[in-house]
Amino acid sequence: MAVAEELGVDHEVVLYIKDPPDRKALEKIVKGLEDPVEDLVRKDSKFKKLELDPDDFVGNPKAVVDILVEHKQLLQRPVIVKGSKSIIGRPKARIAEFLK
């Protein structure tokens, strides 16, 4: 990830399609998430195709984890984890501040 490299921060890139986070990893991300939990779910064409209701995920960590375990493509990215804290790295400028 370019921002982490520019800051000289050791980091690991997880290829979420090849090696998706399991339930335990997602629960850790959700627990430490500094963003609203519902933002972890992409509301894209796949979301619409599955006829999901965005309101079902508002303030509902269990529903977020459940849908991401079943449909890994809906994971918003990038997700940045530092210790027990996590953020959604959008906009990109948030990443540098979080990693400092």
PDB file of N, CA and C in Angstrom:
ATOM      1  N   MET A   1       0.856  -1.165   0.000  1.00  0.00           N
ATOM      2  CA  MET A   1       0.000   0.000   0.000  1.00  0.00           C
ATOM      3  C   MET A   1       0.903   1.229   0.000  1.00  0.00           C
ATOM      4  N   ALA A   2       0.704   2.095  -0.944  1.00  0.00           N
ATOM      5  CA  ALA A   2       1.606   3.219  -1.173  1.00  0.00           C
ATOM      6  C   ALA A   2       1.738   4.135   0.035  1.00  0.00           C
ATOM      7  N   VAL A   3       0.646   4.448   0.723  1.00  0.00           N
ATOM      8  CA  VAL A   3       0.713   5.359   1.867  1.00  0.00           C
ATOM      9  C   VAL A   3       1.592   4.775   2.959  1.00  0.00           C
ATOM     10  N   ALA A   4       1.402   3.499   3.274  1.00  0.00           N
ATOM     11  CA  ALA A   4       2.209   2.846   4.308  1.00  0.00           C
ATOM     12  C   ALA A   4       3.679   2.826   3.895  1.00  0.00           C
ATOM     13  N   GLU A   5       3.947   2.566   2.640  1.00  0.00           N
ATOM     14  CA  GLU A   5       5.328   2.540   2.154  1.00  0.00           C
ATOM     15  C   GLU A   5       5.972   3.917   2.272  1.00  0.00           C
ATOM     16  N   GLU A   6       5.226   4.969   1.908  1.00  0.00           N
ATOM     17  CA  GLU A   6       5.735   6.331   2.005  1.00  0.00           C
ATOM     18  C   GLU A   6       6.081   6.697   3.441  1.00  0.00           C
ATOM     19  N   LEU A   7       5.285   6.189   4.400  1.00  0.00           N
ATOM     20  CA  LEU A   7       5.516   6.483   5.813  1.00  0.00           C
ATOM     21  C   LEU A   7       6.551   5.552   6.433  1.00  0.00           C
ATOM     22  N   GLY A   8       6.995   4.548   5.687  1.00  0.00           N
ATOM     23  CA  GLY A   8       7.954   3.590   6.209  1.00  0.00           C
ATOM     24  C   GLY A   8       7.360   2.664   7.259  1.00  0.00           C
ATOM     25  N   VAL A   9       6.072   2.386   7.146  1.00  0.00           N
ATOM     26  CA  VAL A   9       5.371   1.539   8.112  1.00  0.00           C
ATOM     27  C   VAL A   9       5.337   0.105   7.600  1.00  0.00           C
ATOM     28  N   ASP A  10       5.753  -0.829   8.461  1.00  0.00           N
ATOM     29  CA  ASP A  10       5.612  -2.243   8.107  1.00  0.00           C
ATOM     30  C   ASP A  10       4.129  -2.547   7.973  1.00  0.00           C
ATOM     31  N   HIS A  11       3.779  -3.282   6.941  1.00  0.00           N
ATOM     32  CA  HIS A  11       2.366  -3.577   6.727  1.00  0.00           C
ATOM     33  C   HIS A  11       2.209  -4.898   5.999  1.00  0.00           C
ATOM     34  N   GLU A  12       1.014  -5.397   6.063  1.00  0.00           N
ATOM     35  CA  GLU A  12       0.671  -6.638   5.374  1.00  0.00           C
ATOM     36  C   GLU A  12      -0.554  -6.361   4.515  1.00  0.00           C
ATOM     37  N   VAL A  13      -0.517  -6.793   3.286  1.00  0.00           N
ATOM     38  CA  VAL A  13      -1.658  -6.658   2.389  1.00  0.00           C
ATOM     39  C   VAL A  13      -2.369  -7.999   2.343  1.00  0.00           C
ATOM     40  N   VAL A  14      -3.659  -7.979   2.667  1.00  0.00           N
ATOM     41  CA  VAL A  14      -4.461  -9.200   2.622  1.00  0.00           C
ATOM     42  C   VAL A  14      -5.279  -9.176   1.346  1.00  0.00           C
ATOM     43  N   LEU A  15      -5.093 -10.164   0.518  1.00  0.00           N
ATOM     44  CA  LEU A  15      -5.868 -10.276  -0.720  1.00  0.00           C
ATOM     45  C   LEU A  15      -7.191 -10.936  -0.358  1.00  0.00           C
ATOM     46  N   TYR A  16      -8.189 -10.102  -0.111  1.00  0.00           N
ATOM     47  CA  TYR A  16      -9.435 -10.559   0.501  1.00  0.00           C
ATOM     48  C   TYR A  16     -10.218 -11.560  -0.349  1.00  0.00           C
ATOM     49  N   ILE A  17     -10.016 -11.594  -1.644  1.00  0.00           N
ATOM     50  CA  ILE A  17     -10.733 -12.578  -2.460  1.00  0.00           C
ATOM     51  C   ILE A  17     -10.034 -13.940  -2.355  1.00  0.00           C
ATOM     52  N   LYS A  18      -8.704 -13.937  -2.441  1.00  0.00           N
ATOM     53  CA  LYS A  18      -7.949 -15.189  -2.328  1.00  0.00           C
ATOM     54  C   LYS A  18      -7.926 -15.719  -0.907  1.00  0.00           C
ATOM     55  N   ASP A  19      -7.785 -14.811   0.054  1.00  0.00           N
ATOM     56  CA  ASP A  19      -7.636 -15.196   1.453  1.00  0.00           C
ATOM     57  C   ASP A  19      -8.531 -14.290   2.312  1.00  0.00           C
ATOM     58  N   PRO A  20      -9.839 -14.471   2.227  1.00  0.00           N
ATOM     59  CA  PRO A  20     -10.751 -13.577   2.935  1.00  0.00           C
ATOM     60  C   PRO A  20     -10.635 -13.715   4.454  1.00  0.00           C
ATOM     61  N   PRO A  21     -10.872 -12.613   5.162  1.00  0.00           N
ATOM     62  CA  PRO A  21     -10.853 -12.705   6.617  1.00  0.00           C
ATOM     63  C   PRO A  21     -11.987 -13.623   7.087  1.00  0.00           C
ATOM     64  N   ASP A  22     -11.688 -14.442   8.085  1.00  0.00           N
ATOM     65  CA  ASP A  22     -12.716 -15.325   8.626  1.00  0.00           C
ATOM     66  C   ASP A  22     -13.568 -14.558   9.638  1.00  0.00           C
ATOM     67  N   ARG A  23     -14.538 -15.231  10.212  1.00  0.00           N
ATOM     68  CA  ARG A  23     -15.462 -14.608  11.156  1.00  0.00           C
ATOM     69  C   ARG A  23     -14.707 -13.948  12.301  1.00  0.00           C
ATOM     70  N   LYS A  24     -13.722 -14.645  12.854  1.00  0.00           N
ATOM     71  CA  LYS A  24     -12.968 -14.118  13.994  1.00  0.00           C
ATOM     72  C   LYS A  24     -12.234 -12.827  13.618  1.00  0.00           C
ATOM     73  N   ALA A  25     -11.605 -12.812  12.448  1.00  0.00           N
ATOM     74  CA  ALA A  25     -10.889 -11.617  11.991  1.00  0.00           C
ATOM     75  C   ALA A  25     -11.860 -10.460  11.753  1.00  0.00           C
ATOM     76  N   LEU A  26     -13.003 -10.758  11.157  1.00  0.00           N
ATOM     77  CA  LEU A  26     -14.005  -9.716  10.918  1.00  0.00           C
ATOM     78  C   LEU A  26     -14.550  -9.161  12.232  1.00  0.00           C
ATOM     79  N   GLU A  27     -14.761 -10.029  13.206  1.00  0.00           N
ATOM     80  CA  GLU A  27     -15.248  -9.573  14.511  1.00  0.00           C
ATOM     81  C   GLU A  27     -14.233  -8.650  15.176  1.00  0.00           C
ATOM     82  N   LYS A  28     -12.946  -8.949  15.009  1.00  0.00           N
ATOM     83  CA  LYS A  28     -11.893  -8.089  15.560  1.00  0.00           C
ATOM     84  C   LYS A  28     -11.899  -6.731  14.862  1.00  0.00           C
ATOM     85  N   ILE A  29     -12.019  -6.744  13.539  1.00  0.00           N
ATOM     86  CA  ILE A  29     -12.071  -5.494  12.770  1.00  0.00           C
ATOM     87  C   ILE A  29     -13.257  -4.654  13.218  1.00  0.00           C
ATOM     88  N   VAL A  30     -14.423  -5.281  13.305  1.00  0.00           N
ATOM     89  CA  VAL A  30     -15.650  -4.577  13.676  1.00  0.00           C
ATOM     90  C   VAL A  30     -15.530  -4.000  15.087  1.00  0.00           C
ATOM     91  N   LYS A  31     -14.982  -4.771  15.999  1.00  0.00           N
ATOM     92  CA  LYS A  31     -14.852  -4.331  17.396  1.00  0.00           C
ATOM     93  C   LYS A  31     -13.982  -3.076  17.508  1.00  0.00           C
ATOM     94  N   GLY A  32     -12.928  -2.997  16.721  1.00  0.00           N
ATOM     95  CA  GLY A  32     -12.022  -1.857  16.795  1.00  0.00           C
ATOM     96  C   GLY A  32     -12.289  -0.760  15.791  1.00  0.00           C
ATOM     97  N   LEU A  33     -13.356  -0.900  15.019  1.00  0.00           N
ATOM     98  CA  LEU A  33     -13.635   0.038  13.926  1.00  0.00           C
ATOM     99  C   LEU A  33     -13.990   1.428  14.444  1.00  0.00           C
ATOM    100  N   GLU A  34     -13.281   2.421  13.944  1.00  0.00           N
ATOM    101  CA  GLU A  34     -13.541   3.807  14.324  1.00  0.00           C
ATOM    102  C   GLU A  34     -14.621   4.442  13.449  1.00  0.00           C
ATOM    103  N   ASP A  35     -15.050   3.740  12.430  1.00  0.00           N
ATOM    104  CA  ASP A  35     -16.097   4.210  11.530  1.00  0.00           C
ATOM    105  C   ASP A  35     -17.417   3.535  11.917  1.00  0.00           C
ATOM    106  N   PRO A  36     -18.538   4.059  11.426  1.00  0.00           N
ATOM    107  CA  PRO A  36     -19.798   3.341  11.655  1.00  0.00           C
ATOM    108  C   PRO A  36     -19.709   1.937  11.052  1.00  0.00           C
ATOM    109  N   VAL A  37     -20.158   0.953  11.793  1.00  0.00           N
ATOM    110  CA  VAL A  37     -20.013  -0.448  11.381  1.00  0.00           C
ATOM    111  C   VAL A  37     -20.644  -0.712  10.013  1.00  0.00           C
ATOM    112  N   GLU A  38     -21.744  -0.055   9.714  1.00  0.00           N
ATOM    113  CA  GLU A  38     -22.428  -0.286   8.435  1.00  0.00           C
ATOM    114  C   GLU A  38     -21.590   0.148   7.241  1.00  0.00           C
ATOM    115  N   ASP A  39     -20.614   1.041   7.454  1.00  0.00           N
ATOM    116  CA  ASP A  39     -19.755   1.494   6.358  1.00  0.00           C
ATOM    117  C   ASP A  39     -18.800   0.412   5.879  1.00  0.00           C
ATOM    118  N   LEU A  40     -18.660  -0.659   6.641  1.00  0.00           N
ATOM    119  CA  LEU A  40     -17.783  -1.762   6.255  1.00  0.00           C
ATOM    120  C   LEU A  40     -18.378  -2.576   5.097  1.00  0.00           C
ATOM    121  N   VAL A  41     -19.684  -2.392   4.848  1.00  0.00           N
ATOM    122  CA  VAL A  41     -20.373  -3.123   3.785  1.00  0.00           C
ATOM    123  C   VAL A  41     -20.526  -2.207   2.572  1.00  0.00           C
ATOM    124  N   ARG A  42     -19.991  -2.660   1.436  1.00  0.00           N
ATOM    125  CA  ARG A  42     -20.133  -1.901   0.183  1.00  0.00           C
ATOM    126  C   ARG A  42     -21.577  -1.972  -0.294  1.00  0.00           C
ATOM    127  N   LYS A  43     -22.134  -0.827  -0.607  1.00  0.00           N
ATOM    128  CA  LYS A  43     -23.510  -0.776  -1.135  1.00  0.00           C
ATOM    129  C   LYS A  43     -23.427  -0.608  -2.652  1.00  0.00           C
ATOM    130  N   ASP A  44     -22.913  -1.632  -3.319  1.00  0.00           N
ATOM    131  CA  ASP A  44     -22.681  -1.572  -4.757  1.00  0.00           C
ATOM    132  C   ASP A  44     -23.733  -2.383  -5.516  1.00  0.00           C
ATOM    133  N   SER A  45     -23.450  -2.707  -6.765  1.00  0.00           N
ATOM    134  CA  SER A  45     -24.413  -3.444  -7.588  1.00  0.00           C
ATOM    135  C   SER A  45     -24.675  -4.843  -7.036  1.00  0.00           C
ATOM    136  N   LYS A  46     -23.671  -5.493  -6.466  1.00  0.00           N
ATOM    137  CA  LYS A  46     -23.884  -6.814  -5.864  1.00  0.00           C
ATOM    138  C   LYS A  46     -24.824  -6.700  -4.666  1.00  0.00           C
ATOM    139  N   PHE A  47     -24.653  -5.681  -3.867  1.00  0.00           N
ATOM    140  CA  PHE A  47     -25.520  -5.428  -2.717  1.00  0.00           C
ATOM    141  C   PHE A  47     -26.973  -5.297  -3.190  1.00  0.00           C
ATOM    142  N   LYS A  48     -27.141  -4.513  -4.256  1.00  0.00           N
ATOM    143  CA  LYS A  48     -28.494  -4.316  -4.808  1.00  0.00           C
ATOM    144  C   LYS A  48     -29.035  -5.606  -5.412  1.00  0.00           C
ATOM    145  N   LYS A  49     -28.182  -6.353  -6.107  1.00  0.00           N
ATOM    146  CA  LYS A  49     -28.596  -7.611  -6.723  1.00  0.00           C
ATOM    147  C   LYS A  49     -29.076  -8.606  -5.664  1.00  0.00           C
ATOM    148  N   LEU A  50     -28.442  -8.584  -4.502  1.00  0.00           N
ATOM    149  CA  LEU A  50     -28.845  -9.465  -3.405  1.00  0.00           C
ATOM    150  C   LEU A  50     -30.096  -8.953  -2.684  1.00  0.00           C
ATOM    151  N   GLU A  51     -30.568  -7.772  -3.112  1.00  0.00           N
ATOM    152  CA  GLU A  51     -31.767  -7.140  -2.546  1.00  0.00           C
ATOM    153  C   GLU A  51     -31.654  -6.943  -1.036  1.00  0.00           C
ATOM    154  N   LEU A  52     -30.472  -6.466  -0.632  1.00  0.00           N
ATOM    155  CA  LEU A  52     -30.234  -6.200   0.776  1.00  0.00           C
ATOM    156  C   LEU A  52     -30.723  -4.804   1.135  1.00  0.00           C
ATOM    157  N   ASP A  53     -31.081  -4.619   2.390  1.00  0.00           N
ATOM    158  CA  ASP A  53     -31.557  -3.334   2.896  1.00  0.00           C
ATOM    159  C   ASP A  53     -30.443  -2.705   3.727  1.00  0.00           C
ATOM    160  N   PRO A  54     -29.945  -1.531   3.328  1.00  0.00           N
ATOM    161  CA  PRO A  54     -28.859  -0.891   4.069  1.00  0.00           C
ATOM    162  C   PRO A  54     -29.195  -0.678   5.549  1.00  0.00           C
ATOM    163  N   ASP A  55     -30.448  -0.436   5.852  1.00  0.00           N
ATOM    164  CA  ASP A  55     -30.850  -0.197   7.239  1.00  0.00           C
ATOM    165  C   ASP A  55     -30.628  -1.410   8.139  1.00  0.00           C
ATOM    166  N   ASP A  56     -30.556  -2.601   7.540  1.00  0.00           N
ATOM    167  CA  ASP A  56     -30.348  -3.815   8.333  1.00  0.00           C
ATOM    168  C   ASP A  56     -28.957  -3.867   8.961  1.00  0.00           C
ATOM    169  N   PHE A  57     -28.040  -3.041   8.488  1.00  0.00           N
ATOM    170  CA  PHE A  57     -26.656  -3.087   8.948  1.00  0.00           C
ATOM    171  C   PHE A  57     -26.277  -1.930   9.854  1.00  0.00           C
ATOM    172  N   VAL A  58     -27.160  -0.937   9.964  1.00  0.00           N
ATOM    173  CA  VAL A  58     -26.877   0.243  10.778  1.00  0.00           C
ATOM    174  C   VAL A  58     -26.770  -0.159  12.243  1.00  0.00           C
ATOM    175  N   GLY A  59     -25.588   0.075  12.817  1.00  0.00           N
ATOM    176  CA  GLY A  59     -25.369  -0.237  14.224  1.00  0.00           C
ATOM    177  C   GLY A  59     -25.532  -1.706  14.572  1.00  0.00           C
ATOM    178  N   ASN A  60     -25.335  -2.589  13.578  1.00  0.00           N
ATOM    179  CA  ASN A  60     -25.572  -4.012  13.779  1.00  0.00           C
ATOM    180  C   ASN A  60     -24.321  -4.819  13.403  1.00  0.00           C
ATOM    181  N   PRO A  61     -23.338  -4.895  14.316  1.00  0.00           N
ATOM    182  CA  PRO A  61     -22.089  -5.595  14.005  1.00  0.00           C
ATOM    183  C   PRO A  61     -22.286  -7.052  13.596  1.00  0.00           C
ATOM    184  N   LYS A  62     -23.227  -7.751  14.224  1.00  0.00           N
ATOM    185  CA  LYS A  62     -23.459  -9.155  13.892  1.00  0.00           C
ATOM    186  C   LYS A  62     -23.920  -9.304  12.440  1.00  0.00           C
ATOM    187  N   ALA A  63     -24.839  -8.459  12.010  1.00  0.00           N
ATOM    188  CA  ALA A  63     -25.336  -8.517  10.628  1.00  0.00           C
ATOM    189  C   ALA A  63     -24.210  -8.203   9.646  1.00  0.00           C
ATOM    190  N   VAL A  64     -23.354  -7.257   9.991  1.00  0.00           N
ATOM    191  CA  VAL A  64     -22.221  -6.899   9.126  1.00  0.00           C
ATOM    192  C   VAL A  64     -21.278  -8.083   8.978  1.00  0.00           C
ATOM    193  N   VAL A  65     -20.909  -8.691  10.093  1.00  0.00           N
ATOM    194  CA  VAL A  65     -20.008  -9.853  10.038  1.00  0.00           C
ATOM    195  C   VAL A  65     -20.658 -10.990   9.258  1.00  0.00           C
ATOM    196  N   ASP A  66     -21.921 -11.262   9.529  1.00  0.00           N
ATOM    197  CA  ASP A  66     -22.627 -12.347   8.839  1.00  0.00           C
ATOM    198  C   ASP A  66     -22.616 -12.163   7.322  1.00  0.00           C
ATOM    199  N   ILE A  67     -22.924 -10.958   6.850  1.00  0.00           N
ATOM    200  CA  ILE A  67     -22.993 -10.747   5.400  1.00  0.00           C
ATOM    201  C   ILE A  67     -21.592 -10.799   4.779  1.00  0.00           C
ATOM    202  N   LEU A  68     -20.577 -10.322   5.504  1.00  0.00           N
ATOM    203  CA  LEU A  68     -19.221 -10.334   4.948  1.00  0.00           C
ATOM    204  C   LEU A  68     -18.617 -11.726   4.934  1.00  0.00           C
ATOM    205  N   VAL A  69     -19.013 -12.581   5.856  1.00  0.00           N
ATOM    206  CA  VAL A  69     -18.568 -13.971   5.819  1.00  0.00           C
ATOM    207  C   VAL A  69     -19.176 -14.667   4.602  1.00  0.00           C
ATOM    208  N   GLU A  70     -20.419 -14.355   4.320  1.00  0.00           N
ATOM    209  CA  GLU A  70     -21.126 -15.001   3.205  1.00  0.00           C
ATOM    210  C   GLU A  70     -20.762 -14.394   1.846  1.00  0.00           C
ATOM    211  N   HIS A  71     -20.532 -13.088   1.805  1.00  0.00           N
ATOM    212  CA  HIS A  71     -20.264 -12.378   0.536  1.00  0.00           C
ATOM    213  C   HIS A  71     -19.040 -11.479   0.710  1.00  0.00           C
ATOM    214  N   LYS A  72     -17.860 -12.066   0.619  1.00  0.00           N
ATOM    215  CA  LYS A  72     -16.611 -11.339   0.863  1.00  0.00           C
ATOM    216  C   LYS A  72     -16.412 -10.146  -0.071  1.00  0.00           C
ATOM    217  N   GLN A  73     -17.034 -10.171  -1.230  1.00  0.00           N
ATOM    218  CA  GLN A  73     -16.880  -9.062  -2.179  1.00  0.00           C
ATOM    219  C   GLN A  73     -17.508  -7.773  -1.667  1.00  0.00           C
ATOM    220  N   LEU A  74     -18.377  -7.867  -0.670  1.00  0.00           N
ATOM    221  CA  LEU A  74     -19.035  -6.681  -0.133  1.00  0.00           C
ATOM    222  C   LEU A  74     -18.185  -5.948   0.901  1.00  0.00           C
ATOM    223  N   LEU A  75     -17.010  -6.467   1.216  1.00  0.00           N
ATOM    224  CA  LEU A  75     -16.142  -5.816   2.191  1.00  0.00           C
ATOM    225  C   LEU A  75     -15.595  -4.511   1.623  1.00  0.00           C
ATOM    226  N   GLN A  76     -15.879  -3.429   2.304  1.00  0.00           N
ATOM    227  CA  GLN A  76     -15.334  -2.135   1.898  1.00  0.00           C
ATOM    228  C   GLN A  76     -13.817  -2.190   2.062  1.00  0.00           C
ATOM    229  N   ARG A  77     -13.108  -1.562   1.195  1.00  0.00           N
ATOM    230  CA  ARG A  77     -11.670  -1.611   1.271  1.00  0.00           C
ATOM    231  C   ARG A  77     -11.063  -0.297   0.791  1.00  0.00           C
ATOM    232  N   PRO A  78      -9.874  -0.041   1.251  1.00  0.00           N
ATOM    233  CA  PRO A  78      -9.053  -0.876   2.121  1.00  0.00           C
ATOM    234  C   PRO A  78      -9.461  -0.728   3.581  1.00  0.00           C
ATOM    235  N   VAL A  79      -9.280  -1.781   4.337  1.00  0.00           N
ATOM    236  CA  VAL A  79      -9.439  -1.740   5.790  1.00  0.00           C
ATOM    237  C   VAL A  79      -8.029  -1.739   6.360  1.00  0.00           C
ATOM    238  N   ILE A  80      -7.772  -0.795   7.233  1.00  0.00           N
ATOM    239  CA  ILE A  80      -6.455  -0.655   7.838  1.00  0.00           C
ATOM    240  C   ILE A  80      -6.579  -1.021   9.314  1.00  0.00           C
ATOM    241  N   VAL A  81      -5.720  -1.936   9.751  1.00  0.00           N
ATOM    242  CA  VAL A  81      -5.735  -2.389  11.144  1.00  0.00           C
ATOM    243  C   VAL A  81      -4.403  -2.038  11.771  1.00  0.00           C
ATOM    244  N   LYS A  82      -4.472  -1.439  12.942  1.00  0.00           N
ATOM    245  CA  LYS A  82      -3.261  -1.093  13.705  1.00  0.00           C
ATOM    246  C   LYS A  82      -3.553  -1.450  15.155  1.00  0.00           C
ATOM    247  N   GLY A  83      -2.916  -2.511  15.619  1.00  0.00           N
ATOM    248  CA  GLY A  83      -3.200  -2.983  16.975  1.00  0.00           C
ATOM    249  C   GLY A  83      -4.633  -3.461  17.061  1.00  0.00           C
ATOM    250  N   SER A  84      -5.379  -2.902  17.994  1.00  0.00           N
ATOM    251  CA  SER A  84      -6.787  -3.295  18.150  1.00  0.00           C
ATOM    252  C   SER A  84      -7.737  -2.334  17.452  1.00  0.00           C
ATOM    253  N   LYS A  85      -7.204  -1.319  16.786  1.00  0.00           N
ATOM    254  CA  LYS A  85      -8.027  -0.317  16.098  1.00  0.00           C
ATOM    255  C   LYS A  85      -8.047  -0.579  14.596  1.00  0.00           C
ATOM    256  N   SER A  86      -9.140  -0.157  13.960  1.00  0.00           N
ATOM    257  CA  SER A  86      -9.250  -0.306  12.512  1.00  0.00           C
ATOM    258  C   SER A  86     -10.053   0.852  11.925  1.00  0.00           C
ATOM    259  N   ILE A  87      -9.756   1.138  10.667  1.00  0.00           N
ATOM    260  CA  ILE A  87     -10.504   2.165   9.923  1.00  0.00           C
ATOM    261  C   ILE A  87     -10.718   1.678   8.503  1.00  0.00           C
ATOM    262  N   ILE A  88     -11.651   2.321   7.833  1.00  0.00           N
ATOM    263  CA  ILE A  88     -11.805   2.157   6.389  1.00  0.00           C
ATOM    264  C   ILE A  88     -10.930   3.249   5.779  1.00  0.00           C
ATOM    265  N   GLY A  89      -9.999   2.872   4.923  1.00  0.00           N
ATOM    266  CA  GLY A  89      -9.014   3.804   4.395  1.00  0.00           C
ATOM    267  C   GLY A  89      -9.505   4.655   3.252  1.00  0.00           C
ATOM    268  N   ARG A  90     -10.665   5.220   3.395  1.00  0.00           N
ATOM    269  CA  ARG A  90     -11.211   6.146   2.400  1.00  0.00           C
ATOM    270  C   ARG A  90     -11.733   7.371   3.120  1.00  0.00           C
ATOM    271  N   PRO A  91     -11.385   8.538   2.691  1.00  0.00           N
ATOM    272  CA  PRO A  91     -10.428   8.822   1.627  1.00  0.00           C
ATOM    273  C   PRO A  91      -9.012   8.437   2.049  1.00  0.00           C
ATOM    274  N   LYS A  92      -8.155   8.325   1.078  1.00  0.00           N
ATOM    275  CA  LYS A  92      -6.797   7.831   1.287  1.00  0.00           C
ATOM    276  C   LYS A  92      -6.032   8.639   2.335  1.00  0.00           C
ATOM    277  N   ALA A  93      -6.334   9.914   2.465  1.00  0.00           N
ATOM    278  CA  ALA A  93      -5.637  10.776   3.418  1.00  0.00           C
ATOM    279  C   ALA A  93      -5.809  10.298   4.862  1.00  0.00           C
ATOM    280  N   ARG A  94      -6.879   9.586   5.151  1.00  0.00           N
ATOM    281  CA  ARG A  94      -7.118   9.074   6.510  1.00  0.00           C
ATOM    282  C   ARG A  94      -6.048   8.075   6.934  1.00  0.00           C
ATOM    283  N   ILE A  95      -5.482   7.367   5.976  1.00  0.00           N
ATOM    284  CA  ILE A  95      -4.541   6.298   6.287  1.00  0.00           C
ATOM    285  C   ILE A  95      -3.286   6.847   6.965  1.00  0.00           C
ATOM    286  N   ALA A  96      -2.728   7.916   6.422  1.00  0.00           N
ATOM    287  CA  ALA A  96      -1.505   8.499   6.985  1.00  0.00           C
ATOM    288  C   ALA A  96      -1.748   8.953   8.423  1.00  0.00           C
ATOM    289  N   GLU A  97      -2.843   9.625   8.677  1.00  0.00           N
ATOM    290  CA  GLU A  97      -3.160  10.088  10.026  1.00  0.00           C
ATOM    291  C   GLU A  97      -3.312   8.911  10.990  1.00  0.00           C
ATOM    292  N   PHE A  98      -3.989   7.866  10.556  1.00  0.00           N
ATOM    293  CA  PHE A  98      -4.230   6.687  11.390  1.00  0.00           C
ATOM    294  C   PHE A  98      -2.922   5.970  11.720  1.00  0.00           C
ATOM    295  N   LEU A  99      -2.009   5.883  10.763  1.00  0.00           N
ATOM    296  CA  LEU A  99      -0.772   5.131  10.948  1.00  0.00           C
ATOM    297  C   LEU A  99       0.294   5.877  11.736  1.00  0.00           C
ATOM    298  N   LYS A 100       0.104   7.173  11.951  1.00  0.00           N
ATOM    299  CA  LYS A 100       1.107   7.958  12.691  1.00  0.00           C
ATOM    300  C   LYS A 100       1.142   7.559  14.144  1.00  0.00           C
TER     301      LYS A 100
END
